[in-house]
C-alpha atoms as a PDB file:
ATOM      1  CA  MET A   1     142.167  16.433  38.540  1.00  0.00           C
ATOM      2  CA  SER A   2     141.771  18.330  41.802  1.00  0.00           C
ATOM      3  CA  ALA A   3     144.279  20.520  43.179  1.00  0.00           C
ATOM      4  CA  LEU A   4     146.471  19.628  46.207  1.00  0.00           C
ATOM      5  CA  LEU A   5     145.955  23.223  47.445  1.00  0.00           C
ATOM      6  CA  GLU A   6     144.006  25.753  46.522  1.00  0.00           C
ATOM      7  CA  VAL A   7     144.039  29.697  47.977  1.00  0.00           C
ATOM      8  CA  ARG A   8     141.149  31.646  47.045  1.00  0.00           C
ATOM      9  CA  ASP A   9     141.096  35.323  47.421  1.00  0.00           C
ATOM     10  CA  LEU A  10     143.643  35.119  50.745  1.00  0.00           C
ATOM     11  CA  ALA A  11     143.950  38.715  52.439  1.00  0.00           C
ATOM     12  CA  ARG A  12     145.598  39.684  55.870  1.00  0.00           C
ATOM     13  CA  GLN A  13     145.438  42.643  57.506  1.00  0.00           C
ATOM     14  CA  TYR A  14     146.428  44.212  60.155  1.00  0.00           C
ATOM     15  CA  PRO A  15     145.630  47.434  62.209  1.00  0.00           C
ATOM     16  CA  VAL A  16     148.130  50.101  62.709  1.00  0.00           C
ATOM     17  CA  ALA A  17     147.930  53.446  64.589  1.00  0.00           C
ATOM     18  CA  LEU A  18     149.614  56.830  63.054  1.00  0.00           C
ATOM     19  CA  ALA A  19     151.720  58.878  64.963  1.00  0.00           C
ATOM     20  CA  ASP A  20     148.636  61.655  65.161  1.00  0.00           C
ATOM     21  CA  GLY A  21     146.351  58.757  66.278  1.00  0.00           C
ATOM     22  CA  ARG A  22     144.477  57.827  63.495  1.00  0.00           C
ATOM     23  CA  ARG A  23     144.076  53.920  63.290  1.00  0.00           C
ATOM     24  CA  ARG A  24     144.336  52.508  59.466  1.00  0.00           C
ATOM     25  CA  LEU A  25     144.665  48.765  58.147  1.00  0.00           C
ATOM     26  CA  LEU A  26     148.046  47.408  56.679  1.00  0.00           C
ATOM     27  CA  HIS A  27     147.118  45.415  53.941  1.00  0.00           C
ATOM     28  CA  ALA A  28     150.045  42.537  53.842  1.00  0.00           C
ATOM     29  CA  VAL A  29     148.035  40.153  52.231  1.00  0.00           C
ATOM     30  CA  ASP A  30     145.229  41.124  49.754  1.00  0.00           C
ATOM     31  CA  GLY A  31     143.299  39.183  47.315  1.00  0.00           C
ATOM     32  CA  VAL A  32     145.862  36.264  46.414  1.00  0.00           C
ATOM     33  CA  SER A  33     144.292  32.984  44.611  1.00  0.00           C
ATOM     34  CA  PHE A  34     146.635  30.384  43.373  1.00  0.00           C
ATOM     35  CA  SER A  35     146.361  26.659  42.676  1.00  0.00           C
ATOM     36  CA  LEU A  36     148.789  23.344  43.588  1.00  0.00           C
ATOM     37  CA  MET A  37     148.968  20.342  42.334  1.00  0.00           C
ATOM     38  CA  GLY A  38     150.437  17.352  43.905  1.00  0.00           C
ATOM     39  CA  GLY A  39     154.068  16.748  42.886  1.00  0.00           C
ATOM     40  CA  ARG A  40     154.184  20.152  41.685  1.00  0.00           C
ATOM     41  CA  THR A  41     156.632  23.260  42.769  1.00  0.00           C
ATOM     42  CA  LEU A  42     154.839  26.984  43.011  1.00  0.00           C
ATOM     43  CA  GLY A  43     157.344  29.507  43.452  1.00  0.00           C
ATOM     44  CA  ILE A  44     156.375  33.152  44.519  1.00  0.00           C
ATOM     45  CA  VAL A  45     159.009  35.727  43.771  1.00  0.00           C
ATOM     46  CA  GLY A  46     159.102  39.645  45.025  1.00  0.00           C
ATOM     47  CA  GLU A  47     160.621  42.051  46.920  1.00  0.00           C
ATOM     48  CA  SER A  48     161.146  42.078  50.543  1.00  0.00           C
ATOM     49  CA  GLY A  49     157.549  43.186  52.414  1.00  0.00           C
ATOM     50  CA  CYS A  50     155.304  42.164  49.302  1.00  0.00           C
ATOM     51  CA  GLY A  51     153.702  39.143  51.510  1.00  0.00           C
ATOM     52  CA  LYS A  52     155.442  36.234  50.568  1.00  0.00           C
ATOM     53  CA  SER A  53     156.161  35.272  53.793  1.00  0.00           C
ATOM     54  CA  THR A  54     152.875  36.170  55.222  1.00  0.00           C
ATOM     55  CA  THR A  55     151.058  33.868  52.635  1.00  0.00           C
ATOM     56  CA  ALA A  56     152.940  31.086  53.781  1.00  0.00           C
ATOM     57  CA  LYS A  57     152.085  31.255  57.526  1.00  0.00           C
ATOM     58  CA  LEU A  58     148.248  31.663  56.132  1.00  0.00           C
ATOM     59  CA  VAL A  59     148.680  29.077  53.752  1.00  0.00           C
ATOM     60  CA  LEU A  60     149.686  26.749  56.722  1.00  0.00           C
ATOM     61  CA  GLY A  61     147.688  28.221  59.244  1.00  0.00           C
ATOM     62  CA  LEU A  62     149.661  29.932  61.500  1.00  0.00           C
ATOM     63  CA  LEU A  63     148.162  33.203  61.048  1.00  0.00           C
ATOM     64  CA  PRO A  64     143.959  33.902  60.781  1.00  0.00           C
ATOM     65  CA  ALA A  65     143.307  35.049  57.632  1.00  0.00           C
ATOM     66  CA  THR A  66     141.360  38.072  57.310  1.00  0.00           C
ATOM     67  CA  ARG A  67     139.656  37.268  53.669  1.00  0.00           C
ATOM     68  CA  GLY A  68     139.620  34.430  51.717  1.00  0.00           C
ATOM     69  CA  THR A  69     139.438  30.627  51.752  1.00  0.00           C
ATOM     70  CA  ILE A  70     142.234  28.009  51.517  1.00  0.00           C
ATOM     71  CA  ARG A  71     141.727  24.159  51.072  1.00  0.00           C
ATOM     72  CA  PHE A  72     143.979  21.047  51.680  1.00  0.00           C
ATOM     73  CA  GLU A  73     143.294  17.650  50.005  1.00  0.00           C
ATOM     74  CA  GLY A  74     139.595  18.876  49.761  1.00  0.00           C
ATOM     75  CA  GLY A  75     139.580  20.166  53.155  1.00  0.00           C
ATOM     76  CA  PRO A  76     139.972  23.682  55.015  1.00  0.00           C
ATOM     77  CA  VAL A  77     142.959  24.969  56.453  1.00  0.00           C
ATOM     78  CA  GLY A  78     142.151  27.141  59.667  1.00  0.00           C
ATOM     79  CA  ALA A  79     144.144  28.897  62.618  1.00  0.00           C
ATOM     80  CA  GLN A  80     142.193  26.835  64.963  1.00  0.00           C
ATOM     81  CA  ARG A  81     145.248  25.166  67.085  1.00  0.00           C
ATOM     82  CA  ASP A  82     142.683  22.297  67.645  1.00  0.00           C
ATOM     83  CA  ARG A  83     143.216  18.043  67.113  1.00  0.00           C
ATOM     84  CA  ALA A  84     141.882  18.698  63.323  1.00  0.00           C
ATOM     85  CA  TRP A  85     144.496  21.686  62.738  1.00  0.00           C
ATOM     86  CA  ARG A  86     147.376  19.387  63.885  1.00  0.00           C
ATOM     87  CA  ALA A  87     146.570  16.497  62.025  1.00  0.00           C
ATOM     88  CA  LEU A  88     146.294  18.721  59.011  1.00  0.00           C
ATOM     89  CA  ARG A  89     149.814  20.138  59.891  1.00  0.00           C
ATOM     90  CA  GLN A  90     151.227  16.889  59.890  1.00  0.00           C
ATOM     91  CA  ARG A  91     150.731  16.403  56.078  1.00  0.00           C
ATOM     92  CA  MET A  92     151.605  20.210  55.464  1.00  0.00           C
ATOM     93  CA  GLN A  93     155.408  21.338  56.590  1.00  0.00           C
ATOM     94  CA  MET A  94     157.568  24.213  56.983  1.00  0.00           C
ATOM     95  CA  VAL A  95     161.208  24.513  55.819  1.00  0.00           C
ATOM     96  CA  PRO A  96     162.317  28.255  57.433  1.00  0.00           C
ATOM     97  CA  GLN A  97     164.816  30.761  55.853  1.00  0.00           C
ATOM     98  CA  ASP A  98     167.066  29.901  58.950  1.00  0.00           C
ATOM     99  CA  PRO A  99     167.952  26.716  60.276  1.00  0.00           C
ATOM    100  CA  LEU A 100     169.844  27.556  63.163  1.00  0.00           C
ATOM    101  CA  ALA A 101     167.359  29.666  64.501  1.00  0.00           C
ATOM    102  CA  ALA A 102     164.883  26.860  63.592  1.00  0.00           C
ATOM    103  CA  LEU A 103     166.997  24.162  65.635  1.00  0.00           C
ATOM    104  CA  ASP A 104     166.823  23.212  69.547  1.00  0.00           C
ATOM    105  CA  ARG A 105     170.424  24.105  70.556  1.00  0.00           C
ATOM    106  CA  ARG A 106     170.398  21.554  73.229  1.00  0.00           C
ATOM    107  CA  LEU A 107     169.159  18.626  71.633  1.00  0.00           C
ATOM    108  CA  PRO A 108     171.131  16.331  69.140  1.00  0.00           C
ATOM    109  CA  VAL A 109     169.873  16.738  65.541  1.00  0.00           C
ATOM    110  CA  GLY A 110     169.087  12.949  65.449  1.00  0.00           C
ATOM    111  CA  ASP A 111     166.421  13.566  68.475  1.00  0.00           C
ATOM    112  CA  GLN A 112     164.746  16.699  66.676  1.00  0.00           C
ATOM    113  CA  VAL A 113     164.281  14.506  63.627  1.00  0.00           C
ATOM    114  CA  VAL A 114     162.521  11.702  65.352  1.00  0.00           C
ATOM    115  CA  GLU A 115     160.476  13.924  68.047  1.00  0.00           C
ATOM    116  CA  PRO A 116     157.769  14.783  65.095  1.00  0.00           C
ATOM    117  CA  LEU A 117     156.497  10.887  65.021  1.00  0.00           C
ATOM    118  CA  ALA A 118     156.715  11.538  68.507  1.00  0.00           C
ATOM    119  CA  ILE A 119     154.441  14.137  68.839  1.00  0.00           C
ATOM    120  CA  HIS A 120     151.911  12.467  65.784  1.00  0.00           C
ATOM    121  CA  ALA A 121     152.607   9.257  67.379  1.00  0.00           C
ATOM    122  CA  LEU A 122     153.184   7.477  63.932  1.00  0.00           C
ATOM    123  CA  GLU A 123     155.256   5.183  65.325  1.00  0.00           C
ATOM    124  CA  VAL A 124     154.611   3.237  68.677  1.00  0.00           C
ATOM    125  CA  ASN A 125     158.426   1.611  69.023  1.00  0.00           C
ATOM    126  CA  VAL A 126     161.557   3.842  69.596  1.00  0.00           C
ATOM    127  CA  GLU A 127     163.667   1.783  67.392  1.00  0.00           C
ATOM    128  CA  ALA A 128     161.249   1.742  64.645  1.00  0.00           C
ATOM    129  CA  ARG A 129     160.731   5.928  64.948  1.00  0.00           C
ATOM    130  CA  ARG A 130     165.314   6.205  64.742  1.00  0.00           C
ATOM    131  CA  GLU A 131     165.620   3.907  61.941  1.00  0.00           C
ATOM    132  CA  LYS A 132     162.883   5.899  59.953  1.00  0.00           C
ATOM    133  CA  ALA A 133     165.040   8.997  61.033  1.00  0.00           C
ATOM    134  CA  LEU A 134     168.095   7.609  60.094  1.00  0.00           C
ATOM    135  CA  ALA A 135     166.592   6.690  56.403  1.00  0.00           C
ATOM    136  CA  LEU A 136     165.379  10.298  56.483  1.00  0.00           C
ATOM    137  CA  PHE A 137     169.137  11.351  57.264  1.00  0.00           C
ATOM    138  CA  GLU A 138     170.858   9.722  54.784  1.00  0.00           C
ATOM    139  CA  ALA A 139     168.259  10.219  52.353  1.00  0.00           C
ATOM    140  CA  VAL A 140     169.218  14.198  52.497  1.00  0.00           C
ATOM    141  CA  GLY A 141     172.758  13.220  51.852  1.00  0.00           C
ATOM    142  CA  LEU A 142     174.021  13.222  55.764  1.00  0.00           C
ATOM    143  CA  ARG A 143     176.205  10.551  57.743  1.00  0.00           C
ATOM    144  CA  ARG A 144     174.829   8.278  60.396  1.00  0.00           C
ATOM    145  CA  ASP A 145     177.541   9.908  62.697  1.00  0.00           C
ATOM    146  CA  LEU A 146     176.022  13.440  62.446  1.00  0.00           C
ATOM    147  CA  PHE A 147     172.951  12.018  64.244  1.00  0.00           C
ATOM    148  CA  ALA A 148     174.279  12.637  67.191  1.00  0.00           C
ATOM    149  CA  ARG A 149     175.481  16.185  67.081  1.00  0.00           C
ATOM    150  CA  TYR A 150     174.790  19.552  68.182  1.00  0.00           C
ATOM    151  CA  PRO A 151     172.927  21.936  65.639  1.00  0.00           C
ATOM    152  CA  HIS A 152     176.108  24.541  66.423  1.00  0.00           C
ATOM    153  CA  GLU A 153     178.258  21.526  65.455  1.00  0.00           C
ATOM    154  CA  LEU A 154     176.986  21.342  61.919  1.00  0.00           C
ATOM    155  CA  SER A 155     177.603  23.499  58.806  1.00  0.00           C
ATOM    156  CA  GLY A 156     174.793  25.334  57.062  1.00  0.00           C
ATOM    157  CA  GLY A 157     174.319  23.200  54.327  1.00  0.00           C
ATOM    158  CA  GLN A 158     173.811  20.466  56.990  1.00  0.00           C
ATOM    159  CA  ARG A 159     171.606  22.284  59.445  1.00  0.00           C
ATOM    160  CA  GLN A 160     169.533  23.169  56.098  1.00  0.00           C
ATOM    161  CA  ARG A 161     169.110  19.361  55.283  1.00  0.00           C
ATOM    162  CA  VAL A 162     168.417  18.528  59.089  1.00  0.00           C
ATOM    163  CA  VAL A 163     165.923  20.758  59.148  1.00  0.00           C
ATOM    164  CA  LEU A 164     164.687  19.098  55.448  1.00  0.00           C
ATOM    165  CA  ALA A 165     164.609  15.678  57.127  1.00  0.00           C
ATOM    166  CA  ARG A 166     162.673  16.682  60.031  1.00  0.00           C
ATOM    167  CA  ALA A 167     160.406  17.891  57.857  1.00  0.00           C
ATOM    168  CA  LEU A 168     159.943  14.760  55.463  1.00  0.00           C
ATOM    169  CA  VAL A 169     160.239  12.455  58.410  1.00  0.00           C
ATOM    170  CA  LEU A 170     156.099  12.652  58.455  1.00  0.00           C
ATOM    171  CA  ASN A 171     155.931  11.954  54.527  1.00  0.00           C
ATOM    172  CA  PRO A 172     153.803  15.821  53.683  1.00  0.00           C
ATOM    173  CA  GLY A 173     151.954  15.867  50.821  1.00  0.00           C
ATOM    174  CA  LEU A 174     153.250  20.007  50.953  1.00  0.00           C
ATOM    175  CA  LEU A 175     156.747  21.715  51.848  1.00  0.00           C
ATOM    176  CA  VAL A 176     156.481  25.260  52.330  1.00  0.00           C
ATOM    177  CA  CYS A 177     160.342  26.699  51.593  1.00  0.00           C
ATOM    178  CA  ASP A 178     160.472  30.264  52.825  1.00  0.00           C
ATOM    179  CA  GLU A 179     163.596  31.609  51.515  1.00  0.00           C
ATOM    180  CA  PRO A 180     165.516  27.952  52.521  1.00  0.00           C
ATOM    181  CA  ILE A 181     169.259  29.084  50.855  1.00  0.00           C
ATOM    182  CA  SER A 182     169.107  32.886  51.101  1.00  0.00           C
ATOM    183  CA  ALA A 183     171.453  32.038  54.244  1.00  0.00           C
ATOM    184  CA  LEU A 184     174.053  29.643  52.615  1.00  0.00           C
ATOM    185  CA  ASP A 185     176.628  30.393  50.387  1.00  0.00           C
ATOM    186  CA  VAL A 186     176.085  29.565  46.075  1.00  0.00           C
ATOM    187  CA  SER A 187     178.008  26.335  45.915  1.00  0.00           C
ATOM    188  CA  VAL A 188     175.933  24.650  48.886  1.00  0.00           C
ATOM    189  CA  ALA A 189     172.723  26.648  47.872  1.00  0.00           C
ATOM    190  CA  ALA A 190     172.755  25.007  44.379  1.00  0.00           C
ATOM    191  CA  GLN A 191     173.447  21.615  46.713  1.00  0.00           C
ATOM    192  CA  VAL A 192     170.356  22.247  48.494  1.00  0.00           C
ATOM    193  CA  ILE A 193     168.443  23.059  45.291  1.00  0.00           C
ATOM    194  CA  ASN A 194     169.406  19.611  43.679  1.00  0.00           C
ATOM    195  CA  LEU A 195     168.309  17.807  46.876  1.00  0.00           C
ATOM    196  CA  LEU A 196     164.951  19.653  46.681  1.00  0.00           C
ATOM    197  CA  GLN A 197     164.261  18.229  43.442  1.00  0.00           C
ATOM    198  CA  ASP A 198     165.712  14.844  43.787  1.00  0.00           C
ATOM    199  CA  LEU A 199     163.170  14.451  46.936  1.00  0.00           C
ATOM    200  CA  GLN A 200     160.137  15.679  45.176  1.00  0.00           C
ATOM    201  CA  ALA A 201     160.828  13.487  42.221  1.00  0.00           C
ATOM    202  CA  ARG A 202     161.469  10.598  44.607  1.00  0.00           C
ATOM    203  CA  PHE A 203     158.574  11.212  47.357  1.00  0.00           C
ATOM    204  CA  GLY A 204     155.630  13.667  45.027  1.00  0.00           C
ATOM    205  CA  THR A 205     155.871  16.141  47.732  1.00  0.00           C
ATOM    206  CA  ALA A 206     154.512  19.467  46.267  1.00  0.00           C
ATOM    207  CA  TYR A 207     156.589  22.459  47.256  1.00  0.00           C
ATOM    208  CA  LEU A 208     155.577  25.857  47.891  1.00  0.00           C
ATOM    209  CA  PHE A 209     158.756  27.867  47.138  1.00  0.00           C
ATOM    210  CA  ILE A 210     159.084  31.538  48.043  1.00  0.00           C
ATOM    211  CA  SER A 211     162.522  33.393  47.260  1.00  0.00           C
ATOM    212  CA  HIS A 212     163.546  36.713  46.160  1.00  0.00           C
ATOM    213  CA  ASP A 213     166.012  34.947  43.809  1.00  0.00           C
ATOM    214  CA  LEU A 214     164.616  34.599  40.497  1.00  0.00           C
ATOM    215  CA  LYS A 215     167.714  32.646  39.222  1.00  0.00           C
ATOM    216  CA  VAL A 216     166.684  29.580  41.453  1.00  0.00           C
ATOM    217  CA  VAL A 217     162.931  30.059  41.258  1.00  0.00           C
ATOM    218  CA  ARG A 218     163.570  29.312  37.303  1.00  0.00           C
ATOM    219  CA  GLN A 219     165.617  26.393  38.090  1.00  0.00           C
ATOM    220  CA  ILE A 220     162.860  24.618  40.458  1.00  0.00           C
ATOM    221  CA  ALA A 221     159.753  26.274  39.857  1.00  0.00           C
ATOM    222  CA  ASP A 222     156.462  24.622  37.703  1.00  0.00           C
ATOM    223  CA  GLU A 223     154.645  28.021  37.851  1.00  0.00           C
ATOM    224  CA  VAL A 224     155.934  31.346  39.361  1.00  0.00           C
ATOM    225  CA  ALA A 225     153.993  33.878  40.992  1.00  0.00           C
ATOM    226  CA  VAL A 226     155.199  37.394  41.187  1.00  0.00           C
ATOM    227  CA  MET A 227     153.983  39.406  43.590  1.00  0.00           C
ATOM    228  CA  TYR A 228     153.891  43.235  44.817  1.00  0.00           C
ATOM    229  CA  LEU A 229     152.555  45.203  47.707  1.00  0.00           C
ATOM    230  CA  GLY A 230     150.083  42.415  49.022  1.00  0.00           C
ATOM    231  CA  ARG A 231     149.090  40.951  45.283  1.00  0.00           C
ATOM    232  CA  ILE A 232     149.448  38.238  41.943  1.00  0.00           C
ATOM    233  CA  VAL A 233     150.642  40.909  39.564  1.00  0.00           C
ATOM    234  CA  GLU A 234     151.578  38.071  37.179  1.00  0.00           C
ATOM    235  CA  GLN A 235     151.532  34.062  36.867  1.00  0.00           C
ATOM    236  CA  GLY A 236     152.692  31.952  34.515  1.00  0.00           C
ATOM    237  CA  PRO A 237     155.416  29.301  33.264  1.00  0.00           C
ATOM    238  CA  PRO A 238     159.485  29.987  34.168  1.00  0.00           C
ATOM    239  CA  GLU A 239     160.572  30.338  31.049  1.00  0.00           C
ATOM    240  CA  ALA A 240     157.513  32.751  29.917  1.00  0.00           C
ATOM    241  CA  LEU A 241     158.625  35.056  32.721  1.00  0.00           C
ATOM    242  CA  PHE A 242     161.889  34.782  31.664  1.00  0.00           C
ATOM    243  CA  HIS A 243     161.709  35.575  27.999  1.00  0.00           C
ATOM    244  CA  ALA A 244     158.524  38.008  27.882  1.00  0.00           C
ATOM    245  CA  PRO A 245     157.719  39.314  30.811  1.00  0.00           C
ATOM    246  CA  ALA A 246     154.582  41.102  30.721  1.00  0.00           C
ATOM    247  CA  HIS A 247     154.022  43.430  33.738  1.00  0.00           C
ATOM    248  CA  PRO A 248     156.217  45.985  33.592  1.00  0.00           C
ATOM    249  CA  TYR A 249     157.157  45.285  37.807  1.00  0.00           C
ATOM    250  CA  THR A 250     158.391  41.898  36.230  1.00  0.00           C
ATOM    251  CA  GLN A 251     160.210  43.277  33.502  1.00  0.00           C
ATOM    252  CA  ALA A 252     162.101  44.995  35.850  1.00  0.00           C
ATOM    253  CA  LEU A 253     162.951  42.082  38.261  1.00  0.00           C
ATOM    254  CA  VAL A 254     164.218  40.008  35.371  1.00  0.00           C
ATOM    255  CA  SER A 255     165.956  43.082  34.341  1.00  0.00           C
ATOM    256  CA  ALA A 256     168.293  42.663  37.440  1.00  0.00           C
ATOM    257  CA  VAL A 257     169.312  39.216  36.937  1.00  0.00           C
ATOM    258  CA  PRO A 258     172.741  38.438  35.919  1.00  0.00           C
ATOM    259  CA  LYS A 259     172.937  39.358  31.674  1.00  0.00           C
ATOM    260  CA  ALA A 260     174.467  35.971  30.828  1.00  0.00           C
ATOM    261  CA  LEU A 261     170.536  34.981  32.159  1.00  0.00           C
ATOM    262  CA  ARG A 262     168.610  37.533  30.990  1.00  0.00           C
ATOM    263  CA  GLY A 263     170.522  38.320  27.529  1.00  0.00           C
ATOM    264  CA  THR A 264     169.932  41.428  25.629  1.00  0.00           C
ATOM    265  CA  ARG A 265     167.251  43.032  27.554  1.00  0.00           C
ATOM    266  CA  GLU A 266     167.833  46.032  29.277  1.00  0.00           C
ATOM    267  CA  ARG A 267     168.288  46.737  33.109  1.00  0.00           C
ATOM    268  CA  ILE A 268     165.613  48.461  34.418  1.00  0.00           C
ATOM    269  CA  ILE A 269     166.324  50.704  37.325  1.00  0.00           C
ATOM    270  CA  LEU A 270     162.809  51.224  39.388  1.00  0.00           C
ATOM    271  CA  GLN A 271     162.512  54.949  40.512  1.00  0.00           C
ATOM    272  CA  GLY A 272     161.500  54.898  43.829  1.00  0.00           C
ATOM    273  CA  ASP A 273     159.936  52.576  47.351  1.00  0.00           C
ATOM    274  CA  PRO A 274     157.099  50.624  47.303  1.00  0.00           C
ATOM    275  CA  PRO A 275     154.337  52.216  48.169  1.00  0.00           C
ATOM    276  CA  ASN A 276     152.912  52.212  52.076  1.00  0.00           C
ATOM    277  CA  PRO A 277     150.728  49.210  52.379  1.00  0.00           C
ATOM    278  CA  VAL A 278     148.771  51.515  55.058  1.00  0.00           C
ATOM    279  CA  ASP A 279     148.614  54.333  52.622  1.00  0.00           C
ATOM    280  CA  ARG A 280     148.079  52.298  48.982  1.00  0.00           C
ATOM    281  CA  PRO A 281     147.546  54.531  46.094  1.00  0.00           C
ATOM    282  CA  ALA A 282     144.558  54.530  44.253  1.00  0.00           C
ATOM    283  CA  GLY A 283     144.576  52.204  41.093  1.00  0.00           C
ATOM    284  CA  CYS A 284     147.332  50.156  40.237  1.00  0.00           C
ATOM    285  CA  ALA A 285     149.798  49.839  43.340  1.00  0.00           C
ATOM    286  CA  PHE A 286     152.763  50.115  40.725  1.00  0.00           C
ATOM    287  CA  HIS A 287     151.768  52.894  38.519  1.00  0.00           C
ATOM    288  CA  PRO A 288     153.987  55.222  40.947  1.00  0.00           C
ATOM    289  CA  ARG A 289     157.191  53.394  39.966  1.00  0.00           C
ATOM    290  CA  CYS A 290     155.809  52.231  36.577  1.00  0.00           C
ATOM    291  CA  PRO A 291     157.505  53.912  33.524  1.00  0.00           C
ATOM    292  CA  ARG A 292     154.962  52.926  31.187  1.00  0.00           C
ATOM    293  CA  ALA A 293     152.015  54.109  33.323  1.00  0.00           C
ATOM    294  CA  VAL A 294     148.766  56.101  31.729  1.00  0.00           C
ATOM    295  CA  ALA A 295     145.854  57.647  33.281  1.00  0.00           C
ATOM    296  CA  ARG A 296     143.722  54.610  33.509  1.00  0.00           C
ATOM    297  CA  CYS A 297     146.715  52.951  35.807  1.00  0.00           C
ATOM    298  CA  ARG A 298     146.374  56.236  38.087  1.00  0.00           C
ATOM    299  CA  GLU A 299     142.228  55.576  38.622  1.00  0.00           C
ATOM    300  CA  GLU A 300     141.512  51.990  38.296  1.00  0.00           C
ATOM    301  CA  GLN A 301     142.773  48.574  39.506  1.00  0.00           C
ATOM    302  CA  PRO A 302     144.024  46.233  37.249  1.00  0.00           C
ATOM    303  CA  ALA A 303     142.665  42.211  37.822  1.00  0.00           C
ATOM    304  CA  LEU A 304     144.696  39.363  37.452  1.00  0.00           C
ATOM    305  CA  ARG A 305     143.127  38.163  34.141  1.00  0.00           C
ATOM    306  CA  PRO A 306     144.459  35.840  31.889  1.00  0.00           C
ATOM    307  CA  SER A 307     146.530  37.872  28.994  1.00  0.00           C
ATOM    308  CA  ALA A 308     146.616  36.762  25.133  1.00  0.00           C
ATOM    309  CA  ASP A 309     149.481  34.201  25.539  1.00  0.00           C
ATOM    310  CA  GLY A 310     147.674  31.897  27.937  1.00  0.00           C
ATOM    311  CA  ARG A 311     149.633  34.103  31.503  1.00  0.00           C
ATOM    312  CA  LEU A 312     148.004  35.911  34.475  1.00  0.00           C
ATOM    313  CA  ALA A 313     148.958  39.474  34.383  1.00  0.00           C
ATOM    314  CA  ALA A 314     147.061  42.579  36.376  1.00  0.00           C
ATOM    315  CA  CYS A 315     147.739  45.071  34.025  1.00  0.00           C
ATOM    316  CA  HIS A 316     145.865  47.174  32.014  1.00  0.00           C
ATOM    317  CA  LEU A 317     148.561  47.618  29.264  1.00  0.00           C
ATOM    318  CA  VAL A 318     148.809  43.959  28.875  1.00  0.00           C
ATOM    319  CA  PRO A 319     146.615  42.491  26.252  1.00  0.00           C
ATOM    320  CA  ALA A 320     143.812  40.035  27.460  1.00  0.00           C
ATOM    321  CA  ALA A 321     142.848  37.101  26.067  1.00  0.00           C
ATOM    322  CA  PRO A 322     140.098  37.331  23.609  1.00  0.00           C
ATOM    323  CA  ALA A 323     137.783  35.624  25.378  1.00  0.00           C
ATOM    324  CA  VAL A 324     138.396  37.688  28.471  1.00  0.00           C
ATOM    325  CA  ALA A 325     138.185  41.075  25.929  1.00  0.00           C
ATOM    326  CA  ALA A 326     135.236  39.610  24.811  1.00  0.00           C
ATOM    327  CA  ALA A 327     133.243  39.386  27.959  1.00  0.00           C
ATOM    328  CA  ALA A 328     134.927  42.576  29.039  1.00  0.00           C
END
């Protein structure tokens, strides 16, 4: 069975001018690869600035890639705003971080759920569009009387449900969720996560779920990719990453969750800040902050490869799978 979404060696660079007049490249995303099957969820986690949101925009064709390929449902994804791109975006939708900023405050929320149907001409009859939008409104747990309300008249949780309904009304195959609960309080965030899981079971939509909250990603994701400075450093099932994280950076992230979830694992305090993406260190980008770094880490960049337990890890200190070790 082929993957719904395939990303290979994806990179995005930005030219920047330094104070001394020199021009350098900022590597926002640098060689990211992953696959996502239909009806499954891939969680992407990492510190702020690691390239999570840039990866999401590249996948949706909102930004042009400097290098690499993206294929969705077997076809290439580009950033050219042509007819093919618009047709593809019908099957790829986004749930943004701030629902109030994503909604037009001048229009009733019901009109904004109906609008995608009119843009893509999926329903000719105006009443049929309205009924389909109302059905999605109820599917995400909103009352019909809220259909005529304006965004400022709704709570944060209700606005997030409106954004979900607007994304799902086109029946997409992929939903990119970029920090969808970061602006919500704990109880409302839990409701939205449960709703996302229920909707996935009902509609079979695949999720690319981006978050810095490992507890949430552990609950919703089938696979987790950990990013650091534009690259994936570890990828595998959430339970494996939580119970026995392999990469030192993943170990530090997991140690930051509440003790009730991390068990007996001691808290790891990383020293220093992430390196400047304009001036990446030689070798492993994590070695300036890694308490276990050796000489090889400072000289040679580790490849993301299968480890002995089957997950992927980009670390010289993690034993490789026997087949990989033999090939090396």
